[in-house]
Amino acid sequence: MPAKKALAAKRETLNLRIKPEDRGLIDRAAHLAGKSRTDFLLDAARRAAEDALLDQALFKASPAAHAEFLARLDAPPAPSDRLRRTLAAAAPWDE
């Protein structure tokens, strides 16, 4: 058994204060997801943390690449047959 304990990841405690109605909501959602409250909260917190970090991504580009990027954003889209057909078609709510 000692080998299993050595392989287990160390876990720390995180305490938080929560309103009873919030706890009840979380418990119902965790139950529906088939997870424990802890696993449900950890999954949600991990996703939120990853999203927050990914929103802070930094892109570096040379001045020339940046100028080309902006020019492409500012350029009007090239019309296509599909776009022309879509714009010429009557809207479903107008029929």
PDB file of N, CA and C in Angstrom:
ATOM      1  N   MET A   1       0.786  -1.209   0.000  1.00  0.00           N
ATOM      2  CA  MET A   1       0.000   0.000   0.000  1.00  0.00           C
ATOM      3  C   MET A   1       0.828   1.273   0.000  1.00  0.00           C
ATOM      4  N   PRO A   2       2.031   1.313   0.572  1.00  0.00           N
ATOM      5  CA  PRO A   2       2.794   2.559   0.582  1.00  0.00           C
ATOM      6  C   PRO A   2       3.082   3.078  -0.820  1.00  0.00           C
ATOM      7  N   ALA A   3       3.208   2.198  -1.803  1.00  0.00           N
ATOM      8  CA  ALA A   3       3.497   2.647  -3.163  1.00  0.00           C
ATOM      9  C   ALA A   3       2.336   3.471  -3.713  1.00  0.00           C
ATOM     10  N   LYS A   4       1.109   3.095  -3.385  1.00  0.00           N
ATOM     11  CA  LYS A   4      -0.047   3.846  -3.854  1.00  0.00           C
ATOM     12  C   LYS A   4      -0.065   5.249  -3.261  1.00  0.00           C
ATOM     13  N   LYS A   5       0.260   5.366  -2.002  1.00  0.00           N
ATOM     14  CA  LYS A   5       0.275   6.673  -1.365  1.00  0.00           C
ATOM     15  C   LYS A   5       1.347   7.564  -1.976  1.00  0.00           C
ATOM     16  N   ALA A   6       2.464   6.992  -2.354  1.00  0.00           N
ATOM     17  CA  ALA A   6       3.542   7.778  -2.947  1.00  0.00           C
ATOM     18  C   ALA A   6       3.142   8.290  -4.319  1.00  0.00           C
ATOM     19  N   LEU A   7       2.321   7.529  -5.052  1.00  0.00           N
ATOM     20  CA  LEU A   7       1.912   7.936  -6.393  1.00  0.00           C
ATOM     21  C   LEU A   7       0.758   8.931  -6.380  1.00  0.00           C
ATOM     22  N   ALA A   8      -0.004   8.967  -5.289  1.00  0.00           N
ATOM     23  CA  ALA A   8      -1.144   9.874  -5.221  1.00  0.00           C
ATOM     24  C   ALA A   8      -0.668  11.320  -5.174  1.00  0.00           C
ATOM     25  N   ALA A   9      -1.352  12.167  -5.939  1.00  0.00           N
ATOM     26  CA  ALA A   9      -0.991  13.586  -5.967  1.00  0.00           C
ATOM     27  C   ALA A   9      -1.398  14.237  -4.651  1.00  0.00           C
ATOM     28  N   LYS A  10      -0.558  15.124  -4.179  1.00  0.00           N
ATOM     29  CA  LYS A  10      -0.868  15.844  -2.953  1.00  0.00           C
ATOM     30  C   LYS A  10      -2.002  16.819  -3.224  1.00  0.00           C
ATOM     31  N   ARG A  11      -2.941  16.880  -2.316  1.00  0.00           N
ATOM     32  CA  ARG A  11      -4.073  17.783  -2.475  1.00  0.00           C
ATOM     33  C   ARG A  11      -4.077  18.763  -1.329  1.00  0.00           C
ATOM     34  N   GLU A  12      -4.502  19.961  -1.612  1.00  0.00           N
ATOM     35  CA  GLU A  12      -4.617  20.994  -0.594  1.00  0.00           C
ATOM     36  C   GLU A  12      -6.076  21.360  -0.407  1.00  0.00           C
ATOM     37  N   THR A  13      -6.367  21.976   0.703  1.00  0.00           N
ATOM     38  CA  THR A  13      -7.727  22.376   1.024  1.00  0.00           C
ATOM     39  C   THR A  13      -7.966  23.807   0.565  1.00  0.00           C
ATOM     40  N   LEU A  14      -9.148  24.039   0.032  1.00  0.00           N
ATOM     41  CA  LEU A  14      -9.581  25.374  -0.357  1.00  0.00           C
ATOM     42  C   LEU A  14     -10.921  25.608   0.316  1.00  0.00           C
ATOM     43  N   ASN A  15     -10.997  26.588   1.188  1.00  0.00           N
ATOM     44  CA  ASN A  15     -12.231  26.875   1.914  1.00  0.00           C
ATOM     45  C   ASN A  15     -12.883  28.114   1.323  1.00  0.00           C
ATOM     46  N   LEU A  16     -14.206  28.101   1.277  1.00  0.00           N
ATOM     47  CA  LEU A  16     -14.915  29.288   0.834  1.00  0.00           C
ATOM     48  C   LEU A  16     -16.254  29.362   1.539  1.00  0.00           C
ATOM     49  N   ARG A  17     -16.735  30.568   1.669  1.00  0.00           N
ATOM     50  CA  ARG A  17     -18.039  30.776   2.280  1.00  0.00           C
ATOM     51  C   ARG A  17     -19.041  30.901   1.151  1.00  0.00           C
ATOM     52  N   ILE A  18     -20.205  30.280   1.357  1.00  0.00           N
ATOM     53  CA  ILE A  18     -21.185  30.232   0.287  1.00  0.00           C
ATOM     54  C   ILE A  18     -22.584  30.305   0.878  1.00  0.00           C
ATOM     55  N   LYS A  19     -23.471  30.967   0.183  1.00  0.00           N
ATOM     56  CA  LYS A  19     -24.861  31.050   0.625  1.00  0.00           C
ATOM     57  C   LYS A  19     -25.515  29.678   0.448  1.00  0.00           C
ATOM     58  N   PRO A  20     -26.442  29.346   1.332  1.00  0.00           N
ATOM     59  CA  PRO A  20     -27.102  28.039   1.243  1.00  0.00           C
ATOM     60  C   PRO A  20     -27.782  27.810  -0.114  1.00  0.00           C
ATOM     61  N   GLU A  21     -28.388  28.851  -0.677  1.00  0.00           N
ATOM     62  CA  GLU A  21     -29.073  28.662  -1.963  1.00  0.00           C
ATOM     63  C   GLU A  21     -28.072  28.387  -3.097  1.00  0.00           C
ATOM     64  N   ASP A  22     -26.875  28.989  -3.004  1.00  0.00           N
ATOM     65  CA  ASP A  22     -25.842  28.712  -4.009  1.00  0.00           C
ATOM     66  C   ASP A  22     -25.327  27.276  -3.867  1.00  0.00           C
ATOM     67  N   ARG A  23     -25.152  26.858  -2.625  1.00  0.00           N
ATOM     68  CA  ARG A  23     -24.698  25.484  -2.385  1.00  0.00           C
ATOM     69  C   ARG A  23     -25.721  24.475  -2.907  1.00  0.00           C
ATOM     70  N   GLY A  24     -26.986  24.763  -2.668  1.00  0.00           N
ATOM     71  CA  GLY A  24     -28.035  23.883  -3.163  1.00  0.00           C
ATOM     72  C   GLY A  24     -28.045  23.807  -4.685  1.00  0.00           C
ATOM     73  N   LEU A  25     -27.869  24.947  -5.338  1.00  0.00           N
ATOM     74  CA  LEU A  25     -27.818  24.987  -6.798  1.00  0.00           C
ATOM     75  C   LEU A  25     -26.641  24.167  -7.320  1.00  0.00           C
ATOM     76  N   ILE A  26     -25.484  24.349  -6.705  1.00  0.00           N
ATOM     77  CA  ILE A  26     -24.288  23.605  -7.108  1.00  0.00           C
ATOM     78  C   ILE A  26     -24.472  22.116  -6.865  1.00  0.00           C
ATOM     79  N   ASP A  27     -25.050  21.772  -5.727  1.00  0.00           N
ATOM     80  CA  ASP A  27     -25.275  20.354  -5.416  1.00  0.00           C
ATOM     81  C   ASP A  27     -26.216  19.702  -6.429  1.00  0.00           C
ATOM     82  N   ARG A  28     -27.279  20.413  -6.819  1.00  0.00           N
ATOM     83  CA  ARG A  28     -28.210  19.846  -7.807  1.00  0.00           C
ATOM     84  C   ARG A  28     -27.518  19.656  -9.152  1.00  0.00           C
ATOM     85  N   ALA A  29     -26.735  20.649  -9.570  1.00  0.00           N
ATOM     86  CA  ALA A  29     -26.030  20.541 -10.850  1.00  0.00           C
ATOM     87  C   ALA A  29     -24.993  19.428 -10.813  1.00  0.00           C
ATOM     88  N   ALA A  30     -24.263  19.326  -9.715  1.00  0.00           N
ATOM     89  CA  ALA A  30     -23.257  18.266  -9.582  1.00  0.00           C
ATOM     90  C   ALA A  30     -23.923  16.894  -9.641  1.00  0.00           C
ATOM     91  N   HIS A  31     -25.045  16.772  -8.978  1.00  0.00           N
ATOM     92  CA  HIS A  31     -25.764  15.492  -8.990  1.00  0.00           C
ATOM     93  C   HIS A  31     -26.195  15.127 -10.412  1.00  0.00           C
ATOM     94  N   LEU A  32     -26.739  16.098 -11.137  1.00  0.00           N
ATOM     95  CA  LEU A  32     -27.164  15.839 -12.514  1.00  0.00           C
ATOM     96  C   LEU A  32     -25.987  15.485 -13.418  1.00  0.00           C
ATOM     97  N   ALA A  33     -24.809  16.059 -13.124  1.00  0.00           N
ATOM     98  CA  ALA A  33     -23.614  15.760 -13.915  1.00  0.00           C
ATOM     99  C   ALA A  33     -22.952  14.463 -13.469  1.00  0.00           C
ATOM    100  N   GLY A  34     -23.451  13.863 -12.386  1.00  0.00           N
ATOM    101  CA  GLY A  34     -22.870  12.618 -11.888  1.00  0.00           C
ATOM    102  C   GLY A  34     -21.514  12.827 -11.242  1.00  0.00           C
ATOM    103  N   LYS A  35     -21.318  13.998 -10.637  1.00  0.00           N
ATOM    104  CA  LYS A  35     -20.036  14.322 -10.015  1.00  0.00           C
ATOM    105  C   LYS A  35     -20.251  14.692  -8.556  1.00  0.00           C
ATOM    106  N   SER A  36     -19.179  14.606  -7.805  1.00  0.00           N
ATOM    107  CA  SER A  36     -19.229  15.115  -6.437  1.00  0.00           C
ATOM    108  C   SER A  36     -19.199  16.637  -6.504  1.00  0.00           C
ATOM    109  N   ARG A  37     -19.598  17.267  -5.414  1.00  0.00           N
ATOM    110  CA  ARG A  37     -19.550  18.728  -5.369  1.00  0.00           C
ATOM    111  C   ARG A  37     -18.128  19.218  -5.625  1.00  0.00           C
ATOM    112  N   THR A  38     -17.162  18.569  -5.010  1.00  0.00           N
ATOM    113  CA  THR A  38     -15.757  18.976  -5.178  1.00  0.00           C
ATOM    114  C   THR A  38     -15.324  18.863  -6.628  1.00  0.00           C
ATOM    115  N   ASP A  39     -15.592  17.728  -7.251  1.00  0.00           N
ATOM    116  CA  ASP A  39     -15.195  17.554  -8.652  1.00  0.00           C
ATOM    117  C   ASP A  39     -15.904  18.553  -9.559  1.00  0.00           C
ATOM    118  N   PHE A  40     -17.183  18.796  -9.296  1.00  0.00           N
ATOM    119  CA  PHE A  40     -17.948  19.750 -10.099  1.00  0.00           C
ATOM    120  C   PHE A  40     -17.343  21.152  -9.988  1.00  0.00           C
ATOM    121  N   LEU A  41     -17.067  21.578  -8.758  1.00  0.00           N
ATOM    122  CA  LEU A  41     -16.490  22.914  -8.551  1.00  0.00           C
ATOM    123  C   LEU A  41     -15.084  23.023  -9.130  1.00  0.00           C
ATOM    124  N   LEU A  42     -14.274  21.983  -8.960  1.00  0.00           N
ATOM    125  CA  LEU A  42     -12.926  22.022  -9.513  1.00  0.00           C
ATOM    126  C   LEU A  42     -12.941  22.100 -11.039  1.00  0.00           C
ATOM    127  N   ASP A  43     -13.818  21.331 -11.671  1.00  0.00           N
ATOM    128  CA  ASP A  43     -13.914  21.385 -13.134  1.00  0.00           C
ATOM    129  C   ASP A  43     -14.337  22.781 -13.596  1.00  0.00           C
ATOM    130  N   ALA A  44     -15.347  23.347 -12.946  1.00  0.00           N
ATOM    131  CA  ALA A  44     -15.837  24.672 -13.331  1.00  0.00           C
ATOM    132  C   ALA A  44     -14.769  25.744 -13.084  1.00  0.00           C
ATOM    133  N   ALA A  45     -14.087  25.665 -11.957  1.00  0.00           N
ATOM    134  CA  ALA A  45     -13.053  26.648 -11.634  1.00  0.00           C
ATOM    135  C   ALA A  45     -11.861  26.522 -12.582  1.00  0.00           C
ATOM    136  N   ARG A  46     -11.505  25.297 -12.919  1.00  0.00           N
ATOM    137  CA  ARG A  46     -10.377  25.069 -13.842  1.00  0.00           C
ATOM    138  C   ARG A  46     -10.702  25.655 -15.216  1.00  0.00           C
ATOM    139  N   ARG A  47     -11.920  25.402 -15.705  1.00  0.00           N
ATOM    140  CA  ARG A  47     -12.320  25.952 -17.011  1.00  0.00           C
ATOM    141  C   ARG A  47     -12.305  27.476 -16.983  1.00  0.00           C
ATOM    142  N   ALA A  48     -12.824  28.064 -15.913  1.00  0.00           N
ATOM    143  CA  ALA A  48     -12.851  29.521 -15.793  1.00  0.00           C
ATOM    144  C   ALA A  48     -11.436  30.086 -15.731  1.00  0.00           C
ATOM    145  N   ALA A  49     -10.554  29.416 -15.016  1.00  0.00           N
ATOM    146  CA  ALA A  49      -9.166  29.865 -14.916  1.00  0.00           C
ATOM    147  C   ALA A  49      -8.463  29.784 -16.269  1.00  0.00           C
ATOM    148  N   GLU A  50      -8.672  28.683 -16.987  1.00  0.00           N
ATOM    149  CA  GLU A  50      -8.050  28.541 -18.311  1.00  0.00           C
ATOM    150  C   GLU A  50      -8.573  29.600 -19.268  1.00  0.00           C
ATOM    151  N   ASP A  51      -9.886  29.857 -19.234  1.00  0.00           N
ATOM    152  CA  ASP A  51     -10.465  30.891 -20.095  1.00  0.00           C
ATOM    153  C   ASP A  51      -9.879  32.266 -19.779  1.00  0.00           C
ATOM    154  N   ALA A  52      -9.750  32.571 -18.493  1.00  0.00           N
ATOM    155  CA  ALA A  52      -9.199  33.862 -18.096  1.00  0.00           C
ATOM    156  C   ALA A  52      -7.756  34.012 -18.570  1.00  0.00           C
ATOM    157  N   LEU A  53      -6.984  32.938 -18.460  1.00  0.00           N
ATOM    158  CA  LEU A  53      -5.589  32.995 -18.902  1.00  0.00           C
ATOM    159  C   LEU A  53      -5.482  33.070 -20.418  1.00  0.00           C
ATOM    160  N   LEU A  54      -6.336  32.330 -21.123  1.00  0.00           N
ATOM    161  CA  LEU A  54      -6.296  32.357 -22.582  1.00  0.00           C
ATOM    162  C   LEU A  54      -6.738  33.713 -23.128  1.00  0.00           C
ATOM    163  N   ASP A  55      -7.614  34.404 -22.398  1.00  0.00           N
ATOM    164  CA  ASP A  55      -8.038  35.741 -22.826  1.00  0.00           C
ATOM    165  C   ASP A  55      -6.893  36.745 -22.741  1.00  0.00           C
ATOM    166  N   GLN A  56      -5.858  36.394 -22.026  1.00  0.00           N
ATOM    167  CA  GLN A  56      -4.723  37.293 -21.850  1.00  0.00           C
ATOM    168  C   GLN A  56      -3.562  36.951 -22.782  1.00  0.00           C
ATOM    169  N   ALA A  57      -3.831  36.144 -23.793  1.00  0.00           N
ATOM    170  CA  ALA A  57      -2.769  35.732 -24.709  1.00  0.00           C
ATOM    171  C   ALA A  57      -2.181  36.954 -25.402  1.00  0.00           C
ATOM    172  N   LEU A  58      -0.898  36.926 -25.584  1.00  0.00           N
ATOM    173  CA  LEU A  58      -0.186  38.025 -26.216  1.00  0.00           C
ATOM    174  C   LEU A  58       0.328  37.554 -27.562  1.00  0.00           C
ATOM    175  N   PHE A  59       0.010  38.300 -28.590  1.00  0.00           N
ATOM    176  CA  PHE A  59       0.489  37.988 -29.927  1.00  0.00           C
ATOM    177  C   PHE A  59       1.490  39.049 -30.326  1.00  0.00           C
ATOM    178  N   LYS A  60       2.640  38.617 -30.771  1.00  0.00           N
ATOM    179  CA  LYS A  60       3.665  39.549 -31.216  1.00  0.00           C
ATOM    180  C   LYS A  60       3.814  39.413 -32.721  1.00  0.00           C
ATOM    181  N   ALA A  61       3.937  40.543 -33.397  1.00  0.00           N
ATOM    182  CA  ALA A  61       4.112  40.547 -34.847  1.00  0.00           C
ATOM    183  C   ALA A  61       4.996  41.726 -35.216  1.00  0.00           C
ATOM    184  N   SER A  62       5.672  41.570 -36.315  1.00  0.00           N
ATOM    185  CA  SER A  62       6.497  42.668 -36.807  1.00  0.00           C
ATOM    186  C   SER A  62       5.574  43.794 -37.269  1.00  0.00           C
ATOM    187  N   PRO A  63       6.078  45.012 -37.368  1.00  0.00           N
ATOM    188  CA  PRO A  63       5.236  46.113 -37.846  1.00  0.00           C
ATOM    189  C   PRO A  63       4.636  45.827 -39.231  1.00  0.00           C
ATOM    190  N   ALA A  64       5.387  45.180 -40.099  1.00  0.00           N
ATOM    191  CA  ALA A  64       4.878  44.880 -41.439  1.00  0.00           C
ATOM    192  C   ALA A  64       3.745  43.857 -41.368  1.00  0.00           C
ATOM    193  N   ALA A  65       3.912  42.811 -40.560  1.00  0.00           N
ATOM    194  CA  ALA A  65       2.875  41.796 -40.424  1.00  0.00           C
ATOM    195  C   ALA A  65       1.619  42.382 -39.785  1.00  0.00           C
ATOM    196  N   HIS A  66       1.812  43.268 -38.823  1.00  0.00           N
ATOM    197  CA  HIS A  66       0.678  43.917 -38.173  1.00  0.00           C
ATOM    198  C   HIS A  66      -0.079  44.793 -39.167  1.00  0.00           C
ATOM    199  N   ALA A  67       0.639  45.539 -39.973  1.00  0.00           N
ATOM    200  CA  ALA A  67       0.007  46.400 -40.978  1.00  0.00           C
ATOM    201  C   ALA A  67      -0.775  45.561 -41.991  1.00  0.00           C
ATOM    202  N   GLU A  68      -0.205  44.446 -42.411  1.00  0.00           N
ATOM    203  CA  GLU A  68      -0.906  43.570 -43.354  1.00  0.00           C
ATOM    204  C   GLU A  68      -2.163  42.982 -42.713  1.00  0.00           C
ATOM    205  N   PHE A  69      -2.069  42.596 -41.458  1.00  0.00           N
ATOM    206  CA  PHE A  69      -3.220  42.064 -40.735  1.00  0.00           C
ATOM    207  C   PHE A  69      -4.339  43.092 -40.677  1.00  0.00           C
ATOM    208  N   LEU A  70      -3.996  44.337 -40.326  1.00  0.00           N
ATOM    209  CA  LEU A  70      -5.003  45.395 -40.249  1.00  0.00           C
ATOM    210  C   LEU A  70      -5.609  45.679 -41.615  1.00  0.00           C
ATOM    211  N   ALA A  71      -4.791  45.662 -42.645  1.00  0.00           N
ATOM    212  CA  ALA A  71      -5.299  45.900 -43.997  1.00  0.00           C
ATOM    213  C   ALA A  71      -6.301  44.831 -44.394  1.00  0.00           C
ATOM    214  N   ARG A  72      -6.019  43.587 -44.038  1.00  0.00           N
ATOM    215  CA  ARG A  72      -6.952  42.506 -44.373  1.00  0.00           C
ATOM    216  C   ARG A  72      -8.250  42.627 -43.583  1.00  0.00           C
ATOM    217  N   LEU A  73      -8.156  43.086 -42.353  1.00  0.00           N
ATOM    218  CA  LEU A  73      -9.366  43.287 -41.563  1.00  0.00           C
ATOM    219  C   LEU A  73     -10.219  44.413 -42.143  1.00  0.00           C
ATOM    220  N   ASP A  74      -9.564  45.460 -42.618  1.00  0.00           N
ATOM    221  CA  ASP A  74     -10.275  46.624 -43.148  1.00  0.00           C
ATOM    222  C   ASP A  74     -10.803  46.409 -44.561  1.00  0.00           C
ATOM    223  N   ALA A  75     -10.263  45.472 -45.281  1.00  0.00           N
ATOM    224  CA  ALA A  75     -10.668  45.250 -46.670  1.00  0.00           C
ATOM    225  C   ALA A  75     -12.066  44.632 -46.713  1.00  0.00           C
ATOM    226  N   PRO A  76     -12.884  45.089 -47.665  1.00  0.00           N
ATOM    227  CA  PRO A  76     -14.215  44.477 -47.772  1.00  0.00           C
ATOM    228  C   PRO A  76     -14.088  43.040 -48.249  1.00  0.00           C
ATOM    229  N   PRO A  77     -15.021  42.192 -47.837  1.00  0.00           N
ATOM    230  CA  PRO A  77     -14.943  40.797 -48.287  1.00  0.00           C
ATOM    231  C   PRO A  77     -15.181  40.719 -49.793  1.00  0.00           C
ATOM    232  N   ALA A  78     -14.525  39.787 -50.407  1.00  0.00           N
ATOM    233  CA  ALA A  78     -14.718  39.578 -51.845  1.00  0.00           C
ATOM    234  C   ALA A  78     -16.070  38.911 -52.055  1.00  0.00           C
ATOM    235  N   PRO A  79     -16.900  39.491 -52.919  1.00  0.00           N
ATOM    236  CA  PRO A  79     -18.211  38.878 -53.144  1.00  0.00           C
ATOM    237  C   PRO A  79     -18.068  37.526 -53.826  1.00  0.00           C
ATOM    238  N   SER A  80     -18.949  36.623 -53.439  1.00  0.00           N
ATOM    239  CA  SER A  80     -18.952  35.286 -54.038  1.00  0.00           C
ATOM    240  C   SER A  80     -20.354  34.988 -54.539  1.00  0.00           C
ATOM    241  N   ASP A  81     -20.474  33.964 -55.354  1.00  0.00           N
ATOM    242  CA  ASP A  81     -21.793  33.581 -55.858  1.00  0.00           C
ATOM    243  C   ASP A  81     -22.728  33.218 -54.707  1.00  0.00           C
ATOM    244  N   ARG A  82     -22.193  32.525 -53.730  1.00  0.00           N
ATOM    245  CA  ARG A  82     -23.019  32.120 -52.585  1.00  0.00           C
ATOM    246  C   ARG A  82     -23.530  33.344 -51.833  1.00  0.00           C
ATOM    247  N   LEU A  83     -22.667  34.345 -51.616  1.00  0.00           N
ATOM    248  CA  LEU A  83     -23.082  35.563 -50.927  1.00  0.00           C
ATOM    249  C   LEU A  83     -24.133  36.303 -51.755  1.00  0.00           C
ATOM    250  N   ARG A  84     -23.929  36.401 -53.060  1.00  0.00           N
ATOM    251  CA  ARG A  84     -24.903  37.076 -53.923  1.00  0.00           C
ATOM    252  C   ARG A  84     -26.272  36.382 -53.855  1.00  0.00           C
ATOM    253  N   ARG A  85     -26.290  35.041 -53.884  1.00  0.00           N
ATOM    254  CA  ARG A  85     -27.553  34.301 -53.799  1.00  0.00           C
ATOM    255  C   ARG A  85     -28.236  34.538 -52.457  1.00  0.00           C
ATOM    256  N   THR A  86     -27.443  34.541 -51.398  1.00  0.00           N
ATOM    257  CA  THR A  86     -28.006  34.742 -50.063  1.00  0.00           C
ATOM    258  C   THR A  86     -28.633  36.120 -49.952  1.00  0.00           C
ATOM    259  N   LEU A  87     -27.946  37.137 -50.443  1.00  0.00           N
ATOM    260  CA  LEU A  87     -28.462  38.498 -50.345  1.00  0.00           C
ATOM    261  C   LEU A  87     -29.669  38.718 -51.254  1.00  0.00           C
ATOM    262  N   ALA A  88     -29.767  37.973 -52.327  1.00  0.00           N
ATOM    263  CA  ALA A  88     -30.879  38.123 -53.260  1.00  0.00           C
ATOM    264  C   ALA A  88     -32.118  37.348 -52.805  1.00  0.00           C
ATOM    265  N   ALA A  89     -31.944  36.359 -51.951  1.00  0.00           N
ATOM    266  CA  ALA A  89     -33.064  35.534 -51.501  1.00  0.00           C
ATOM    267  C   ALA A  89     -33.946  36.300 -50.517  1.00  0.00           C
ATOM    268  N   ALA A  90     -35.232  36.010 -50.563  1.00  0.00           N
ATOM    269  CA  ALA A  90     -36.145  36.627 -49.616  1.00  0.00           C
ATOM    270  C   ALA A  90     -35.954  35.994 -48.241  1.00  0.00           C
ATOM    271  N   ALA A  91     -36.100  36.803 -47.221  1.00  0.00           N
ATOM    272  CA  ALA A  91     -35.997  36.292 -45.854  1.00  0.00           C
ATOM    273  C   ALA A  91     -37.178  35.387 -45.562  1.00  0.00           C
ATOM    274  N   PRO A  92     -36.985  34.324 -44.780  1.00  0.00           N
ATOM    275  CA  PRO A  92     -38.088  33.393 -44.488  1.00  0.00           C
ATOM    276  C   PRO A  92     -39.295  34.079 -43.867  1.00  0.00           C
ATOM    277  N   TRP A  93     -39.080  35.121 -43.067  1.00  0.00           N
ATOM    278  CA  TRP A  93     -40.186  35.787 -42.411  1.00  0.00           C
ATOM    279  C   TRP A  93     -40.922  36.737 -43.344  1.00  0.00           C
ATOM    280  N   ASP A  94     -40.325  37.019 -44.540  1.00  0.00           N
ATOM    281  CA  ASP A  94     -40.986  37.877 -45.523  1.00  0.00           C
ATOM    282  C   ASP A  94     -41.837  37.061 -46.495  1.00  0.00           C
ATOM    283  N   GLU A  95     -41.712  35.762 -46.477  1.00  0.00           N
ATOM    284  CA  GLU A  95     -42.452  34.922 -47.423  1.00  0.00           C
ATOM    285  C   GLU A  95     -43.882  34.738 -47.002  1.00  0.00           C
TER     286      GLU A  95
END
